[in-house]
Amino acid sequence: MVIHKGSCHCGSVKFEVKSQSDIKVSKCNCSICKATGFIHLIVDKEAFSLISGEDDITTYTFNTHTAKHTFCKHCGIKSFYTPRSHPKGYSVNLNSLDPETITSVTYYDFNGQDWEKNVDKLKENHP
C-alpha cells in the first residue's frame, strides 16, 4: 500500500488516498462520468484524507441524490466524490492523482448507462 496524493486543478482542494501502487480503475459511460472524464478508483472511507480545501468544495446531486458529486468552487474539477455504489467510501478521479506513486493501472469498462442492471459488476471489481 502507498499514499497517493491528489488535488483539483487550482490546488485549493488537496487529498491523499491509501491504495495499491498497481491500481484498478473503472471507466463509466453514464452521463456525468462521460461528460467529466472521471476515471474511478474506489476506496473505503478510511483510506481517504482531505488535506485542505474543505471550504472550497461544493456538492451536486441528482436522480436518487445518494451520490455526492463534489467539485472545487474555484476551478470546477471533481477530484473525488461519494459514489452511489459505495456510499460509505469515495471514488477518486485517476486524472487528479499525482502519477509518481502509481506503478500500473488496469482499466475496465462499466456500463453506467444501465446502472441498476450493472452495479453488481462494479461492486465485484471494487469490493
Protein backbone atom coordinates (compact mmCIF):
# COMPACT_ATOMS: atom_id res chain seq x y z
CA MET A 1 0.00 0.00 0.00
CA VAL A 2 1.13 3.53 -0.77
CA ILE A 3 -0.18 7.03 -0.19
CA HIS A 4 -1.25 8.69 -3.43
CA LYS A 5 -1.53 12.48 -3.38
CA GLY A 6 -4.02 14.39 -5.47
CA SER A 7 -5.64 17.74 -6.00
CA CYS A 8 -8.00 19.76 -8.11
CA HIS A 9 -6.59 21.84 -10.99
CA CYS A 10 -6.01 25.04 -9.00
CA GLY A 11 -4.64 23.22 -5.93
CA SER A 12 -7.24 24.54 -3.48
CA VAL A 13 -8.52 21.01 -2.76
CA LYS A 14 -5.79 18.54 -1.78
CA PHE A 15 -6.19 14.97 -0.60
CA GLU A 16 -4.40 11.68 -0.01
CA VAL A 17 -5.65 8.19 -0.68
CA LYS A 18 -4.18 4.90 0.51
CA SER A 19 -4.23 2.20 -2.16
CA GLN A 20 -2.04 -0.24 -4.05
CA SER A 21 0.61 1.13 -6.39
CA ASP A 22 -0.87 -1.16 -9.06
CA ILE A 23 -4.38 0.25 -9.21
CA LYS A 24 -7.61 -0.94 -10.77
CA VAL A 25 -9.95 1.72 -12.12
CA SER A 26 -13.22 1.82 -13.98
CA LYS A 27 -14.38 3.94 -16.89
CA CYS A 28 -18.10 4.63 -16.68
CA ASN A 29 -20.28 5.71 -19.60
CA CYS A 30 -23.07 7.33 -17.55
CA SER A 31 -23.99 10.90 -18.43
CA ILE A 32 -21.95 12.64 -15.71
CA CYS A 33 -18.81 10.46 -15.90
CA LYS A 34 -18.77 10.67 -19.68
CA ALA A 35 -19.10 14.47 -19.58
CA THR A 36 -16.41 14.98 -16.91
CA GLY A 37 -13.92 12.28 -17.97
CA PHE A 38 -13.98 10.79 -14.47
CA ILE A 39 -12.00 7.54 -14.05
CA HIS A 40 -12.89 5.75 -10.81
CA LEU A 41 -10.55 4.48 -8.12
CA ILE A 42 -12.99 3.42 -5.42
CA VAL A 43 -11.67 3.24 -1.85
CA ASP A 44 -13.04 2.83 1.66
CA LYS A 45 -13.70 5.99 3.65
CA GLU A 46 -10.77 5.19 5.97
CA ALA A 47 -8.36 5.19 3.00
CA PHE A 48 -9.17 8.80 2.08
CA SER A 49 -7.97 12.01 3.77
CA LEU A 50 -8.89 15.53 2.76
CA ILE A 51 -5.73 17.58 3.40
CA SER A 52 -7.04 21.04 2.51
CA GLY A 53 -9.89 22.81 0.82
CA GLU A 54 -12.96 21.71 2.75
CA ASP A 55 -14.42 25.22 2.39
CA ASP A 56 -13.52 25.24 -1.33
CA ILE A 57 -15.82 22.30 -2.17
CA THR A 58 -19.38 22.45 -3.42
CA THR A 59 -21.70 19.47 -3.92
CA TYR A 60 -24.05 18.49 -6.72
CA THR A 61 -26.63 15.68 -6.54
CA PHE A 62 -29.23 14.37 -8.97
CA ASN A 63 -31.59 11.41 -9.52
CA THR A 64 -31.60 9.50 -6.19
CA HIS A 65 -29.34 12.11 -4.50
CA THR A 66 -27.30 9.28 -2.96
CA ALA A 67 -24.10 10.17 -4.82
CA LYS A 68 -22.49 13.39 -3.60
CA HIS A 69 -20.56 14.88 -6.52
CA THR A 70 -18.01 17.27 -5.02
CA PHE A 71 -16.31 19.98 -7.05
CA CYS A 72 -13.77 22.71 -6.37
CA LYS A 73 -15.65 26.04 -6.25
CA HIS A 74 -12.76 27.77 -7.99
CA CYS A 75 -11.65 25.55 -10.89
CA GLY A 76 -14.65 23.22 -11.16
CA ILE A 77 -12.65 19.98 -11.03
CA LYS A 78 -14.28 16.90 -9.50
CA SER A 79 -11.28 15.13 -7.93
CA PHE A 80 -13.35 12.77 -5.77
CA TYR A 81 -16.92 12.14 -4.69
CA THR A 82 -19.13 9.81 -2.68
CA PRO A 83 -20.50 7.28 -5.18
CA ARG A 84 -23.97 5.81 -5.17
CA SER A 85 -22.47 2.31 -5.47
CA HIS A 86 -20.23 2.80 -2.41
CA PRO A 87 -21.89 5.47 -0.22
CA LYS A 88 -19.54 4.71 2.69
CA GLY A 89 -16.46 5.25 0.55
CA TYR A 90 -15.01 7.55 -2.08
CA SER A 91 -14.39 7.42 -5.78
CA VAL A 92 -11.18 9.25 -6.61
CA ASN A 93 -10.51 10.51 -10.12
CA LEU A 94 -7.38 8.86 -11.51
CA ASN A 95 -6.83 12.06 -13.52
CA SER A 96 -6.45 14.04 -10.27
CA LEU A 97 -3.73 11.82 -8.76
CA ASP A 98 -0.02 12.58 -8.91
CA PRO A 99 1.44 9.81 -11.12
CA GLU A 100 4.68 9.30 -9.14
CA THR A 101 3.23 6.65 -6.81
CA ILE A 102 1.35 4.70 -9.49
CA THR A 103 3.17 1.64 -10.86
CA SER A 104 0.43 0.41 -13.21
CA VAL A 105 -3.22 0.98 -13.99
CA THR A 106 -5.73 -1.68 -15.02
CA TYR A 107 -8.83 -0.25 -16.67
CA TYR A 108 -12.20 -1.87 -17.05
CA ASP A 109 -15.40 -0.54 -18.54
CA PHE A 110 -18.57 -0.08 -16.54
CA ASN A 111 -21.93 0.38 -18.29
CA GLY A 112 -23.31 3.15 -16.12
CA GLN A 113 -25.99 3.98 -18.69
CA ASP A 114 -27.74 0.87 -17.32
CA TRP A 115 -26.54 1.43 -13.74
CA GLU A 116 -29.18 -0.64 -11.93
CA LYS A 117 -28.54 -3.69 -14.15
CA ASN A 118 -24.76 -3.47 -13.80
CA VAL A 119 -23.97 -2.16 -10.31
CA ASP A 120 -23.23 -5.67 -9.00
CA LYS A 121 -20.43 -5.97 -11.59
CA LEU A 122 -18.99 -2.68 -10.36
CA LYS A 123 -19.05 -3.92 -6.77
CA GLU A 124 -17.24 -7.13 -7.82
CA ASN A 125 -14.37 -5.06 -9.23
CA HIS A 126 -14.41 -2.61 -6.31
CA PRO A 127 -15.46 -4.62 -3.24
